[in-house]
Amino acid sequence: MTPRASDQPGPETQASTAAATESADLRAPLYVAWQVTNECNLACLHCIEESGPGKAFRDELNDAEVFGVLEQLMDGDVPYLSFSGGEPMLHGKFFEMIEYVCGRGGQLKIETNGHYLTHENCARLAQLEVKAVQVSLDGASRETFNRMRVRGDFDCTIEGIKRLREAGVPVEINFSPTRFNMHEIGAAVDLANELGAYSFYTGKTMYTGNAVKTWKLLAPTDDQYSTFFATLHTKTDEYRGRMRVYFHEMGLLEELRYRLRHPAALLIVLPNGLVKLLNALPFVCGDFRRQPLSEIWANFRRGWEDPRVTSFVEDLAVDSGKTSGLHKWVYL
């Protein structure tokens, strides 16, 4: 998963543009980002969710509960959704879930590590008319990619992206920067374009999840970030009109302070049905096992006014390590 505070797919898409709309006066969210399982075939050094083999939550929603949530979202006219993980393609009802959402007119993005993009699966994604597939590609070489994505394979991911394009599925590329892959950012953007991606998305890697344990290996310096973003500015101009290069330079604290004033119309749903205010905050505002969408949405809007949320954000100014405990959920 993309280690971004907002956990959005990038403002180049309609989904995230809608999600950026403030939540006031809306009767339902405009965008739902659903981590459908915490199980994953990889064990990435930076994973915000600490996903991996055997890491599925013990209390993940069962099939009936999953489709009950989907029915609520579609009945509530939520226009945009994304399925992520873990690795969403490992979910036993992955394609049935896609069929249900797209069959009811929802616009759906899949966020994947790309290792299950077989010819057959890509053809099904095209047939079901998913809006886009975002593939994580944290490097322009096998060496850097495989170092970051433990158990992953660079060549497998590249072939999967090619199969998506052959099937006619729109592709987005996501890149998570670290001190050992940042030097490849220019080449990574070029590679994304060569592979036929219509957008490239990146931003600062966040200190949470697996990154807490591997930070000494991952943490870029300020000088590295300066060069990184300078290259991205150049690539943005180079590919203007051909591929959208989007990058977020805002630090986590600055972004969270903005969200306190302007909450996005976005719900983050966990594999067990709990709903968070934001991926980069520990606060839970609802539970689809016990509450309807209308109640969760009302709690979400009230949650942003809770003094505990404001206090947590401001405490980050003096203790950035507070993000290391994002999986210790706080119920609002």
Protein backbone atom coordinates (compact mmCIF):
# COMPACT_ATOMS: atom_id res chain seq x y z
CA MET A 1 0.00 0.00 0.00
CA THR A 2 1.01 3.55 -0.65
CA PRO A 3 2.41 5.06 2.55
CA ARG A 4 0.51 8.32 2.25
CA ALA A 5 -1.48 10.08 4.94
CA SER A 6 -4.58 10.35 2.79
CA ASP A 7 -4.32 6.88 1.29
CA GLN A 8 -5.73 8.28 -1.93
CA PRO A 9 -4.78 7.16 -5.42
CA GLY A 10 -3.57 10.56 -6.57
CA PRO A 11 -5.40 13.72 -7.64
CA GLU A 12 -5.07 12.85 -11.31
CA THR A 13 -8.07 10.53 -11.03
CA GLN A 14 -11.72 11.40 -10.77
CA ALA A 15 -11.98 9.32 -7.62
CA SER A 16 -9.44 11.30 -5.66
CA THR A 17 -10.71 14.59 -7.03
CA ALA A 18 -14.08 13.69 -5.61
CA ALA A 19 -12.56 12.52 -2.35
CA ALA A 20 -10.83 15.87 -1.97
CA THR A 21 -14.25 17.48 -1.70
CA GLU A 22 -14.95 18.42 1.91
CA SER A 23 -17.36 16.17 3.77
CA ALA A 24 -19.73 18.84 5.10
CA ASP A 25 -23.32 18.62 3.85
CA LEU A 26 -22.78 15.36 1.95
CA ARG A 27 -25.12 12.51 2.83
CA ALA A 28 -22.49 9.88 2.07
CA PRO A 29 -18.76 9.68 1.27
CA LEU A 30 -17.66 10.24 -2.30
CA TYR A 31 -14.83 7.74 -2.05
CA VAL A 32 -14.25 4.57 -0.03
CA ALA A 33 -10.77 3.04 0.19
CA TRP A 34 -11.19 -0.55 1.34
CA GLN A 35 -8.34 -2.72 2.54
CA VAL A 36 -10.14 -5.95 1.74
CA THR A 37 -7.57 -8.25 3.39
CA ASN A 38 -4.31 -7.91 5.30
CA GLU A 39 -2.98 -11.10 3.71
CA CYS A 40 -0.17 -10.54 1.22
CA ASN A 41 2.30 -12.62 -0.74
CA LEU A 42 5.05 -10.06 -0.07
CA ALA A 43 6.64 -8.64 3.09
CA CYS A 44 7.64 -5.13 2.03
CA LEU A 45 10.04 -3.14 4.17
CA HIS A 46 7.83 -0.04 4.21
CA CYS A 47 4.33 -1.55 4.41
CA ILE A 48 2.07 0.79 6.35
CA GLU A 49 -0.33 -2.04 7.20
CA GLU A 50 2.33 -4.59 8.21
CA SER A 51 0.78 -6.98 5.70
CA GLY A 52 2.44 -10.21 4.68
CA PRO A 53 2.11 -13.99 4.38
CA GLY A 54 -0.13 -15.26 7.18
CA LYS A 55 -0.99 -11.70 8.27
CA ALA A 56 -4.72 -11.76 7.53
CA PHE A 57 -6.74 -10.41 10.46
CA ARG A 58 -8.40 -13.18 12.47
CA ASP A 59 -11.68 -11.28 12.30
CA GLU A 60 -11.79 -10.26 8.65
CA LEU A 61 -15.31 -9.88 7.25
CA ASN A 62 -16.86 -13.07 5.96
CA ASP A 63 -18.34 -13.26 2.46
CA ALA A 64 -21.87 -12.35 3.51
CA GLU A 65 -20.58 -9.36 5.48
CA VAL A 66 -18.43 -8.19 2.57
CA PHE A 67 -21.36 -8.11 0.18
CA GLY A 68 -23.53 -6.53 2.84
CA VAL A 69 -21.09 -3.63 3.03
CA LEU A 70 -20.90 -3.38 -0.75
CA GLU A 71 -24.69 -3.28 -0.94
CA GLN A 72 -24.77 -0.42 1.55
CA LEU A 73 -22.14 1.52 -0.38
CA MET A 74 -23.92 1.09 -3.68
CA ASP A 75 -27.35 1.83 -2.16
CA GLY A 76 -25.76 4.95 -0.65
CA ASP A 77 -24.62 6.09 -4.12
CA VAL A 78 -20.92 6.10 -3.22
CA PRO A 79 -19.45 6.76 -6.68
CA TYR A 80 -15.80 5.77 -6.23
CA LEU A 81 -14.11 2.84 -4.47
CA SER A 82 -10.70 1.23 -4.32
CA PHE A 83 -9.73 -2.27 -3.23
CA SER A 84 -6.31 -2.66 -1.63
CA GLY A 85 -4.63 -4.87 0.94
CA GLY A 86 -2.42 -6.60 1.76
CA GLU A 87 -2.87 -7.96 -1.72
CA PRO A 88 -6.52 -7.64 -2.74
CA MET A 89 -6.26 -10.30 -5.43
CA LEU A 90 -5.76 -12.88 -2.67
CA HIS A 91 -9.29 -12.32 -1.39
CA GLY A 92 -11.44 -15.35 -2.17
CA LYS A 93 -14.26 -13.22 -3.63
CA PHE A 94 -12.07 -10.67 -5.41
CA PHE A 95 -13.65 -10.86 -8.85
CA GLU A 96 -17.18 -11.30 -7.52
CA MET A 97 -16.70 -8.08 -5.53
CA ILE A 98 -15.53 -6.26 -8.64
CA GLU A 99 -18.46 -7.62 -10.63
CA TYR A 100 -20.91 -6.39 -8.02
CA VAL A 101 -19.48 -2.85 -7.78
CA CYS A 102 -18.99 -2.31 -11.50
CA GLY A 103 -22.31 -3.98 -12.28
CA ARG A 104 -24.04 -1.37 -10.16
CA GLY A 105 -22.24 1.53 -11.81
CA GLY A 106 -19.50 2.13 -9.26
CA GLN A 107 -16.09 3.29 -10.45
CA LEU A 108 -13.45 1.01 -8.98
CA LYS A 109 -9.68 1.09 -8.73
CA ILE A 110 -7.53 -1.91 -7.76
CA GLU A 111 -4.24 -1.34 -5.90
CA THR A 112 -1.96 -4.35 -6.30
CA ASN A 113 1.67 -5.45 -6.12
CA GLY A 114 1.23 -6.89 -9.62
CA HIS A 115 2.23 -10.47 -8.95
CA TYR A 116 -1.15 -12.00 -9.89
CA LEU A 117 -1.68 -10.14 -13.15
CA THR A 118 -1.91 -13.19 -15.37
CA HIS A 119 -3.33 -12.95 -18.89
CA GLU A 120 -6.61 -14.42 -17.63
CA ASN A 121 -6.88 -12.04 -14.67
CA CYS A 122 -6.08 -8.99 -16.78
CA ALA A 123 -8.72 -10.03 -19.31
CA ARG A 124 -11.29 -10.29 -16.51
CA LEU A 125 -10.35 -6.87 -15.15
CA ALA A 126 -10.85 -5.44 -18.62
CA GLN A 127 -14.15 -7.24 -19.14
CA LEU A 128 -15.48 -5.96 -15.79
CA GLU A 129 -14.37 -2.43 -16.74
CA VAL A 130 -12.44 -1.43 -13.65
CA LYS A 131 -11.53 2.23 -13.80
CA ALA A 132 -7.80 1.65 -13.21
CA VAL A 133 -5.24 -0.67 -11.70
CA GLN A 134 -2.51 0.93 -9.62
CA VAL A 135 0.66 -1.15 -9.45
CA SER A 136 3.45 -0.56 -6.94
CA LEU A 137 6.81 -0.26 -8.70
CA ASP A 138 9.40 0.92 -6.20
CA GLY A 139 12.39 1.06 -8.48
CA ALA A 140 13.56 0.97 -12.05
CA SER A 141 15.77 -2.06 -11.55
CA ARG A 142 15.47 -5.57 -10.19
CA GLU A 143 18.05 -4.81 -7.49
CA THR A 144 16.19 -1.94 -5.84
CA PHE A 145 12.69 -3.34 -6.34
CA ASN A 146 13.50 -6.75 -4.89
CA ARG A 147 15.30 -5.18 -1.94
CA MET A 148 12.22 -3.14 -1.03
CA ARG A 149 9.56 -5.73 -1.79
CA VAL A 150 10.75 -8.79 0.10
CA ARG A 151 9.56 -11.98 -1.68
CA GLY A 152 8.72 -9.82 -4.69
CA ASP A 153 9.99 -10.12 -8.23
CA PHE A 154 10.65 -7.13 -10.47
CA ASP A 155 10.29 -9.04 -13.73
CA CYS A 156 6.97 -10.54 -12.64
CA THR A 157 5.58 -7.08 -11.87
CA ILE A 158 6.78 -5.64 -15.18
CA GLU A 159 5.18 -8.50 -17.12
CA GLY A 160 1.95 -8.00 -15.20
CA ILE A 161 1.83 -4.32 -16.12
CA LYS A 162 2.41 -5.20 -19.77
CA ARG A 163 -0.48 -7.67 -19.65
CA LEU A 164 -2.76 -4.99 -18.22
CA ARG A 165 -1.97 -2.68 -21.11
CA GLU A 166 -2.40 -5.47 -23.65
CA ALA A 167 -5.85 -6.09 -22.19
CA GLY A 168 -6.68 -2.38 -22.38
CA VAL A 169 -6.81 -1.73 -18.63
CA PRO A 170 -5.74 1.80 -17.55
CA VAL A 171 -2.59 1.64 -15.42
CA GLU A 172 -1.25 3.85 -12.66
CA ILE A 173 2.20 3.41 -11.13
CA ASN A 174 2.99 4.08 -7.47
CA PHE A 175 6.54 4.63 -6.19
CA SER A 176 7.57 4.72 -2.52
CA PRO A 177 10.94 6.47 -2.01
CA THR A 178 13.74 5.24 0.23
CA ARG A 179 17.39 6.13 0.55
CA PHE A 180 18.36 3.18 -1.68
CA ASN A 181 15.90 3.69 -4.56
CA MET A 182 15.51 7.48 -4.82
CA HIS A 183 18.36 7.79 -7.29
CA GLU A 184 16.22 5.83 -9.77
CA ILE A 185 13.23 8.15 -9.70
CA GLY A 186 13.89 9.62 -13.14
CA ALA A 187 14.34 6.17 -14.64
CA ALA A 188 11.23 4.93 -12.81
CA VAL A 189 9.09 7.68 -14.35
CA ASP A 190 10.53 6.89 -17.77
CA LEU A 191 9.80 3.19 -17.26
CA ALA A 192 6.22 3.92 -16.27
CA ASN A 193 5.74 5.83 -19.51
CA GLU A 194 7.33 3.07 -21.56
CA LEU A 195 4.94 0.58 -19.96
CA GLY A 196 1.94 2.68 -20.97
CA ALA A 197 0.89 4.08 -17.59
CA TYR A 198 -1.35 7.13 -17.71
CA SER A 199 -0.20 8.42 -14.32
CA PHE A 200 2.70 8.14 -11.90
CA TYR A 201 2.22 8.83 -8.21
CA THR A 202 4.68 9.26 -5.35
CA GLY A 203 5.19 11.09 -2.07
CA LYS A 204 7.19 10.92 1.13
CA THR A 205 7.41 7.55 2.85
CA MET A 206 5.74 7.53 6.25
CA TYR A 207 7.20 6.35 9.55
CA THR A 208 4.69 3.68 10.50
CA GLY A 209 3.99 -0.02 10.04
CA ASN A 210 6.98 -2.04 8.88
CA ALA A 211 8.90 1.18 8.26
CA VAL A 212 9.24 1.69 12.03
CA LYS A 213 11.34 -1.48 12.20
CA THR A 214 13.34 -0.76 9.04
CA TRP A 215 13.64 3.04 9.22
CA LYS A 216 17.46 3.02 9.43
CA LEU A 217 17.51 1.27 6.07
CA LEU A 218 14.75 3.37 4.50
CA ALA A 219 14.88 6.96 5.74
CA PRO A 220 15.95 9.42 3.01
CA THR A 221 17.94 12.51 3.94
CA ASP A 222 16.67 16.04 3.32
CA ASP A 223 19.21 16.41 0.51
CA GLN A 224 17.97 13.22 -1.12
CA TYR A 225 14.38 14.46 -0.97
CA SER A 226 15.46 17.79 -2.46
CA THR A 227 17.05 16.05 -5.45
CA PHE A 228 14.11 13.63 -5.67
CA PHE A 229 11.49 16.36 -5.97
CA ALA A 230 13.64 18.45 -8.31
CA THR A 231 13.78 15.47 -10.68
CA LEU A 232 10.02 15.03 -10.42
CA HIS A 233 9.42 18.67 -11.33
CA THR A 234 11.53 18.13 -14.43
CA LYS A 235 9.71 14.92 -15.32
CA THR A 236 6.34 16.59 -14.84
CA ASP A 237 7.23 19.08 -17.58
CA GLU A 238 8.77 16.41 -19.78
CA TYR A 239 5.67 14.22 -19.77
CA ARG A 240 3.03 16.92 -19.69
CA GLY A 241 0.16 15.90 -21.97
CA ARG A 242 1.39 12.31 -22.19
CA MET A 243 1.46 10.99 -18.61
CA ARG A 244 0.45 12.70 -15.41
CA VAL A 245 3.34 12.82 -12.92
CA TYR A 246 1.89 13.60 -9.52
CA PHE A 247 3.92 13.96 -6.35
CA HIS A 248 3.11 15.23 -2.90
CA GLU A 249 5.85 17.27 -1.22
CA MET A 250 3.85 18.14 1.90
CA GLY A 251 5.10 16.62 5.14
CA LEU A 252 2.80 14.46 7.24
CA LEU A 253 2.21 17.06 9.96
CA GLU A 254 1.36 19.76 7.44
CA GLU A 255 -1.02 17.45 5.60
CA LEU A 256 -2.82 16.38 8.77
CA ARG A 257 -3.24 19.97 9.89
CA TYR A 258 -4.85 20.68 6.53
CA ARG A 259 -7.19 17.71 6.93
CA LEU A 260 -8.31 18.98 10.35
CA ARG A 261 -9.62 22.07 8.59
CA HIS A 262 -10.77 20.32 5.40
CA PRO A 263 -11.74 16.66 5.97
CA ALA A 264 -11.95 14.75 2.71
CA ALA A 265 -15.16 12.94 1.78
CA LEU A 266 -13.29 9.66 2.21
CA LEU A 267 -13.74 6.56 4.36
CA ILE A 268 -10.91 4.12 5.09
CA VAL A 269 -12.32 0.61 5.64
CA LEU A 270 -10.20 -2.09 7.29
CA PRO A 271 -10.47 -5.84 6.59
CA ASN A 272 -12.58 -6.39 9.72
CA GLY A 273 -15.07 -3.66 8.82
CA LEU A 274 -13.71 -0.97 11.12
CA VAL A 275 -13.60 2.51 9.59
CA LYS A 276 -10.77 4.99 10.25
CA LEU A 277 -10.74 8.76 9.96
CA LEU A 278 -7.55 8.57 7.95
CA ASN A 279 -4.84 6.03 7.32
CA ALA A 280 -2.24 8.14 9.15
CA LEU A 281 -4.40 8.46 12.28
CA PRO A 282 -5.29 5.73 14.82
CA PHE A 283 -8.89 6.87 15.26
CA VAL A 284 -11.81 4.56 14.44
CA CYS A 285 -15.16 6.19 13.70
CA GLY A 286 -17.30 3.19 12.84
CA ASP A 287 -17.80 -0.54 12.45
CA PHE A 288 -19.72 -1.98 9.49
CA ARG A 289 -20.51 -5.09 11.54
CA ARG A 290 -22.59 -3.05 13.95
CA GLN A 291 -23.48 0.22 12.24
CA PRO A 292 -25.09 1.33 8.97
CA LEU A 293 -23.27 3.61 6.54
CA SER A 294 -25.38 6.61 7.56
CA GLU A 295 -24.31 6.33 11.19
CA ILE A 296 -20.65 5.76 10.32
CA TRP A 297 -20.66 8.77 8.01
CA ALA A 298 -22.15 10.98 10.74
CA ASN A 299 -19.52 9.72 13.20
CA PHE A 300 -16.79 10.44 10.65
CA ARG A 301 -17.82 14.06 10.33
CA ARG A 302 -18.08 14.52 14.09
CA GLY A 303 -14.78 12.71 14.61
CA TRP A 304 -12.76 15.43 12.94
CA GLU A 305 -13.98 17.82 15.63
CA ASP A 306 -12.94 15.53 18.49
CA PRO A 307 -10.24 17.22 20.65
CA ARG A 308 -8.32 13.92 20.83
CA VAL A 309 -7.74 14.08 17.09
CA THR A 310 -6.51 17.67 17.21
CA SER A 311 -4.26 16.83 20.16
CA PHE A 312 -2.75 13.82 18.36
CA VAL A 313 -1.91 15.89 15.29
CA GLU A 314 -0.33 18.70 17.28
CA ASP A 315 1.65 16.23 19.39
CA LEU A 316 3.30 15.06 16.16
CA ALA A 317 5.08 18.42 16.05
CA VAL A 318 7.13 17.40 19.09
CA ASP A 319 7.04 13.62 18.74
CA SER A 320 6.98 12.32 15.17
CA GLY A 321 7.21 8.79 16.56
CA LYS A 322 3.51 8.85 17.49
CA THR A 323 2.80 7.46 14.02
CA SER A 324 4.47 4.21 15.09
CA GLY A 325 1.30 3.28 16.98
CA LEU A 326 -1.32 3.70 14.28
CA HIS A 327 -2.51 0.11 14.66
CA LYS A 328 -3.40 0.71 18.30
CA TRP A 329 -6.85 1.88 17.39
CA VAL A 330 -8.61 4.60 19.36
CA TYR A 331 -12.42 4.44 19.20
CA LEU A 332 -14.17 7.79 18.94
